């Protein structure tokens, strides 16, 4: 009878250990995925904003140069 209780307690402790370990792995995976998604989004947004700003500046300079030349 006592060995059954000890075995049951051991199995419960092991299952809890596995559950906690899995939750830590999931948390790490989520953090890694979030960081990757954020970095990708930031690069995309920065490239888009920079391209828009550059195009605006170029168009403004072209209009100004054309007005001065006329």
C-alpha atoms as a PDB file:
ATOM      1  CA  UNK A   1       0.000   0.000   0.000  1.00  0.00           C
ATOM      2  CA  UNK A   2       2.755   2.434   0.945  1.00  0.00           C
ATOM      3  CA  UNK A   3       4.690   1.678  -2.235  1.00  0.00           C
ATOM      4  CA  UNK A   4       1.581   2.549  -4.259  1.00  0.00           C
ATOM      5  CA  UNK A   5       1.318   5.948  -2.590  1.00  0.00           C
ATOM      6  CA  UNK A   6       5.024   6.590  -3.108  1.00  0.00           C
ATOM      7  CA  UNK A   7       4.782   5.572  -6.762  1.00  0.00           C
ATOM      8  CA  UNK A   8       1.697   7.744  -7.258  1.00  0.00           C
ATOM      9  CA  UNK A   9       3.443  10.725  -5.628  1.00  0.00           C
ATOM     10  CA  UNK A  10       6.521  10.220  -7.790  1.00  0.00           C
ATOM     11  CA  UNK A  11       4.456  10.064 -10.974  1.00  0.00           C
ATOM     12  CA  UNK A  12       2.521  13.197 -10.013  1.00  0.00           C
ATOM     13  CA  UNK A  13       5.755  15.068  -9.309  1.00  0.00           C
ATOM     14  CA  UNK A  14       7.187  13.988 -12.658  1.00  0.00           C
ATOM     15  CA  UNK A  15       4.060  15.006 -14.556  1.00  0.00           C
ATOM     16  CA  UNK A  16       4.071  18.425 -12.887  1.00  0.00           C
ATOM     17  CA  UNK A  17       7.736  18.841 -13.773  1.00  0.00           C
ATOM     18  CA  UNK A  18       7.020  18.029 -17.405  1.00  0.00           C
ATOM     19  CA  UNK A  19       4.067  20.432 -17.452  1.00  0.00           C
ATOM     20  CA  UNK A  20       6.179  23.289 -16.081  1.00  0.00           C
ATOM     21  CA  UNK A  21       9.015  22.526 -18.488  1.00  0.00           C
ATOM     22  CA  UNK A  22       6.623  22.562 -21.450  1.00  0.00           C
ATOM     23  CA  UNK A  23       5.130  25.888 -20.390  1.00  0.00           C
ATOM     24  CA  UNK A  24       8.625  27.417 -20.213  1.00  0.00           C
ATOM     25  CA  UNK A  25       9.424  26.132 -23.719  1.00  0.00           C
ATOM     26  CA  UNK A  26       6.174  27.594 -25.057  1.00  0.00           C
ATOM     27  CA  UNK A  27       6.906  30.936 -23.391  1.00  0.00           C
ATOM     28  CA  UNK A  28      10.381  31.002 -24.947  1.00  0.00           C
ATOM     29  CA  UNK A  29       8.992  30.090 -28.377  1.00  0.00           C
ATOM     30  CA  UNK A  30       6.358  32.817 -28.104  1.00  0.00           C
ATOM     31  CA  UNK A  31       8.922  35.428 -27.083  1.00  0.00           C
ATOM     32  CA  UNK A  32      11.203  34.428 -29.949  1.00  0.00           C
ATOM     33  CA  UNK A  33       8.350  34.503 -32.456  1.00  0.00           C
ATOM     34  CA  UNK A  34       7.169  37.893 -31.197  1.00  0.00           C
ATOM     35  CA  UNK A  35      10.664  39.346 -31.453  1.00  0.00           C
ATOM     36  CA  UNK A  36      11.042  38.014 -34.996  1.00  0.00           C
ATOM     37  CA  UNK A  37       7.658  39.340 -36.105  1.00  0.00           C
ATOM     38  CA  UNK A  38       8.343  42.727 -34.517  1.00  0.00           C
ATOM     39  CA  UNK A  39      11.769  43.015 -36.140  1.00  0.00           C
ATOM     40  CA  UNK A  40      10.352  42.059 -39.544  1.00  0.00           C
ATOM     41  CA  UNK A  41       7.516  44.558 -39.179  1.00  0.00           C
ATOM     42  CA  UNK A  42       9.919  47.296 -38.097  1.00  0.00           C
ATOM     43  CA  UNK A  43      12.212  46.717 -41.070  1.00  0.00           C
ATOM     44  CA  UNK A  44       9.265  46.710 -43.479  1.00  0.00           C
ATOM     45  CA  UNK A  45       7.743  49.849 -41.975  1.00  0.00           C
ATOM     46  CA  UNK A  46      11.093  51.660 -41.901  1.00  0.00           C
ATOM     47  CA  UNK A  47      11.836  50.790 -45.526  1.00  0.00           C
ATOM     48  CA  UNK A  48       8.373  51.943 -46.608  1.00  0.00           C
ATOM     49  CA  UNK A  49       8.574  55.193 -44.651  1.00  0.00           C
ATOM     50  CA  UNK A  50      12.086  55.903 -45.911  1.00  0.00           C
ATOM     51  CA  UNK A  51      11.074  55.252 -49.518  1.00  0.00           C
ATOM     52  CA  UNK A  52       8.060  57.554 -49.138  1.00  0.00           C
ATOM     53  CA  UNK A  53      10.137  60.324 -47.583  1.00  0.00           C
ATOM     54  CA  UNK A  54      12.829  60.003 -50.244  1.00  0.00           C
ATOM     55  CA  UNK A  55      10.262  60.110 -53.043  1.00  0.00           C
ATOM     56  CA  UNK A  56       8.631  63.182 -51.514  1.00  0.00           C
ATOM     57  CA  UNK A  57      11.962  64.970 -51.170  1.00  0.00           C
ATOM     58  CA  UNK A  58      12.967  64.071 -54.716  1.00  0.00           C
ATOM     59  CA  UNK A  59       9.653  65.297 -56.131  1.00  0.00           C
ATOM     60  CA  UNK A  60       9.900  68.537 -54.156  1.00  0.00           C
ATOM     61  CA  UNK A  61      13.450  69.137 -55.361  1.00  0.00           C
ATOM     62  CA  UNK A  62      12.436  68.447 -58.961  1.00  0.00           C
ATOM     63  CA  UNK A  63       9.511  70.877 -58.785  1.00  0.00           C
ATOM     64  CA  UNK A  64      11.713  73.528 -57.155  1.00  0.00           C
ATOM     65  CA  UNK A  65      14.450  73.093 -59.759  1.00  0.00           C
ATOM     66  CA  UNK A  66      11.895  73.286 -62.569  1.00  0.00           C
ATOM     67  CA  UNK A  67      10.417  76.482 -61.106  1.00  0.00           C
ATOM     68  CA  UNK A  68      13.862  78.068 -60.784  1.00  0.00           C
ATOM     69  CA  UNK A  69      14.795  77.067 -64.338  1.00  0.00           C
ATOM     70  CA  UNK A  70      11.596  78.580 -65.720  1.00  0.00           C
END
